[in-house]
Amino acid sequence: MKMITAVIKPFKVDDVRDALSQLGIQGMTLTEVKGFGRQKGHTELYRGAEYVVDFVPKAKLEVAVRDDQLEDALEAIRAAANSGKIGDGKIFVTALEQVIRIRTHESGDDAL
């Protein structure tokens, strides 16, 4: 099992969710976050004064998948989150040692 963590533009969340749902992937966690990468934020004008916005609003999506779903899920996220512009985000994949469904006590792939 793998945990996919994708940090993407907030307006791409629905597209990514729909793409993953079409693969039969159910269940994901969404967190509104702020951060920056190479773009290092941007400047904005507010009441005539210019100020620097160091952290850009992003969406962090976490999805647990079976090993055989990984490549399809990654491709779905890449395609749906891509705008072709700077700041599209990053995808991180980590090993998931154990998953337990609290209600039924199922574990491993069955808990997903």
Protein backbone atom coordinates (compact mmCIF):
# COMPACT_ATOMS: atom_id res chain seq x y z
CA MET A 1 0.00 0.00 0.00
CA LYS A 2 1.10 3.55 -0.67
CA MET A 3 0.14 6.99 0.60
CA ILE A 4 -0.05 9.63 -2.12
CA THR A 5 0.23 13.22 -0.94
CA ALA A 6 -0.43 15.77 -3.65
CA VAL A 7 -0.02 19.51 -3.12
CA ILE A 8 -1.98 21.18 -5.90
CA LYS A 9 -3.73 24.40 -6.88
CA PRO A 10 -7.06 24.69 -5.03
CA PHE A 11 -9.15 25.11 -8.17
CA LYS A 12 -7.90 21.73 -9.45
CA VAL A 13 -9.26 19.73 -6.49
CA ASP A 14 -12.58 18.79 -8.11
CA ASP A 15 -10.83 17.65 -11.30
CA VAL A 16 -8.42 15.45 -9.33
CA ARG A 17 -11.20 14.02 -7.16
CA ASP A 18 -13.26 13.16 -10.25
CA ALA A 19 -10.27 11.53 -11.98
CA LEU A 20 -9.52 9.37 -8.93
CA SER A 21 -13.19 8.45 -8.52
CA GLN A 22 -13.28 7.19 -12.12
CA LEU A 23 -10.51 4.75 -11.14
CA GLY A 24 -12.64 3.45 -8.28
CA ILE A 25 -10.50 5.08 -5.62
CA GLN A 26 -12.71 6.00 -2.70
CA GLY A 27 -11.76 8.09 0.26
CA MET A 28 -9.33 10.93 0.40
CA THR A 29 -8.42 13.69 2.80
CA LEU A 30 -8.23 17.33 1.74
CA THR A 31 -6.46 20.03 3.73
CA GLU A 32 -6.22 23.69 2.82
CA VAL A 33 -2.58 24.68 3.21
CA LYS A 34 -0.22 27.50 2.28
CA GLY A 35 3.28 27.16 0.94
CA PHE A 36 5.73 28.06 -1.75
CA GLY A 37 8.29 26.40 -3.94
CA ARG A 38 10.39 27.88 -6.68
CA GLN A 39 7.80 30.61 -7.26
CA LYS A 40 8.61 32.08 -3.81
CA GLY A 41 5.24 33.75 -3.41
CA HIS A 42 4.10 36.87 -5.20
CA THR A 43 3.28 40.55 -4.64
CA GLU A 44 -0.21 42.02 -4.37
CA LEU A 45 -1.64 45.49 -4.22
CA TYR A 46 -3.95 46.33 -1.31
CA ARG A 47 -5.33 49.86 -0.82
CA GLY A 48 -2.54 51.30 -2.88
CA ALA A 49 0.23 49.55 -0.96
CA GLU A 50 2.23 46.69 -2.43
CA TYR A 51 3.04 43.78 -0.16
CA VAL A 52 4.60 40.36 -0.55
CA VAL A 53 2.55 37.19 -0.12
CA ASP A 54 5.16 34.67 0.98
CA PHE A 55 2.83 31.69 1.16
CA VAL A 56 0.51 30.77 -1.68
CA PRO A 57 -2.81 28.97 -0.99
CA LYS A 58 -2.63 25.28 -1.96
CA ALA A 59 -4.67 22.13 -1.41
CA LYS A 60 -3.07 19.03 0.10
CA LEU A 61 -4.78 15.83 -0.97
CA GLU A 62 -3.92 12.54 0.75
CA VAL A 63 -5.00 9.23 -0.75
CA ALA A 64 -4.16 5.69 0.35
CA VAL A 65 -4.03 3.20 -2.54
CA ARG A 66 -3.20 -0.45 -3.16
CA ASP A 67 0.14 -1.05 -4.86
CA ASP A 68 -1.59 -2.10 -8.09
CA GLN A 69 -3.49 1.23 -8.20
CA LEU A 70 -0.45 3.45 -7.73
CA GLU A 71 0.62 4.19 -11.31
CA ASP A 72 -2.94 4.81 -12.52
CA ALA A 73 -3.61 7.11 -9.56
CA LEU A 74 -0.39 9.06 -10.15
CA GLU A 75 -1.18 9.53 -13.83
CA ALA A 76 -4.74 10.63 -13.01
CA ILE A 77 -3.46 13.23 -10.53
CA ARG A 78 -0.75 14.46 -12.93
CA ALA A 79 -3.23 14.88 -15.78
CA ALA A 80 -6.01 16.48 -13.74
CA ALA A 81 -3.81 18.88 -11.74
CA ASN A 82 -1.72 20.06 -14.69
CA SER A 83 -2.39 23.62 -15.84
CA GLY A 84 0.97 24.00 -17.55
CA LYS A 85 1.82 26.99 -15.38
CA ILE A 86 4.26 27.47 -12.53
CA GLY A 87 2.96 26.30 -9.17
CA ASP A 88 1.02 23.25 -10.37
CA GLY A 89 2.35 21.40 -7.33
CA LYS A 90 4.09 18.21 -6.33
CA ILE A 91 3.17 14.59 -5.67
CA PHE A 92 4.84 12.58 -2.91
CA VAL A 93 4.57 8.80 -2.54
CA THR A 94 5.39 7.02 0.70
CA ALA A 95 5.10 3.42 1.82
CA LEU A 96 2.10 2.66 4.00
CA GLU A 97 2.87 -0.08 6.48
CA GLN A 98 -0.56 -0.67 7.97
CA VAL A 99 -4.14 0.53 7.60
CA ILE A 100 -6.91 -0.41 10.03
CA ARG A 101 -10.59 0.40 9.61
CA ILE A 102 -11.70 1.32 13.11
CA ARG A 103 -15.36 0.25 12.81
CA THR A 104 -14.82 -3.27 11.38
CA HIS A 105 -11.22 -3.97 12.44
CA GLU A 106 -10.32 -4.80 8.82
CA SER A 107 -6.67 -4.21 8.02
CA GLY A 108 -4.39 -3.92 5.01
CA ASP A 109 -5.94 -3.65 1.53
CA ASP A 110 -9.34 -4.64 2.94
CA ALA A 111 -9.37 -1.47 5.07
CA LEU A 112 -8.99 0.77 2.05
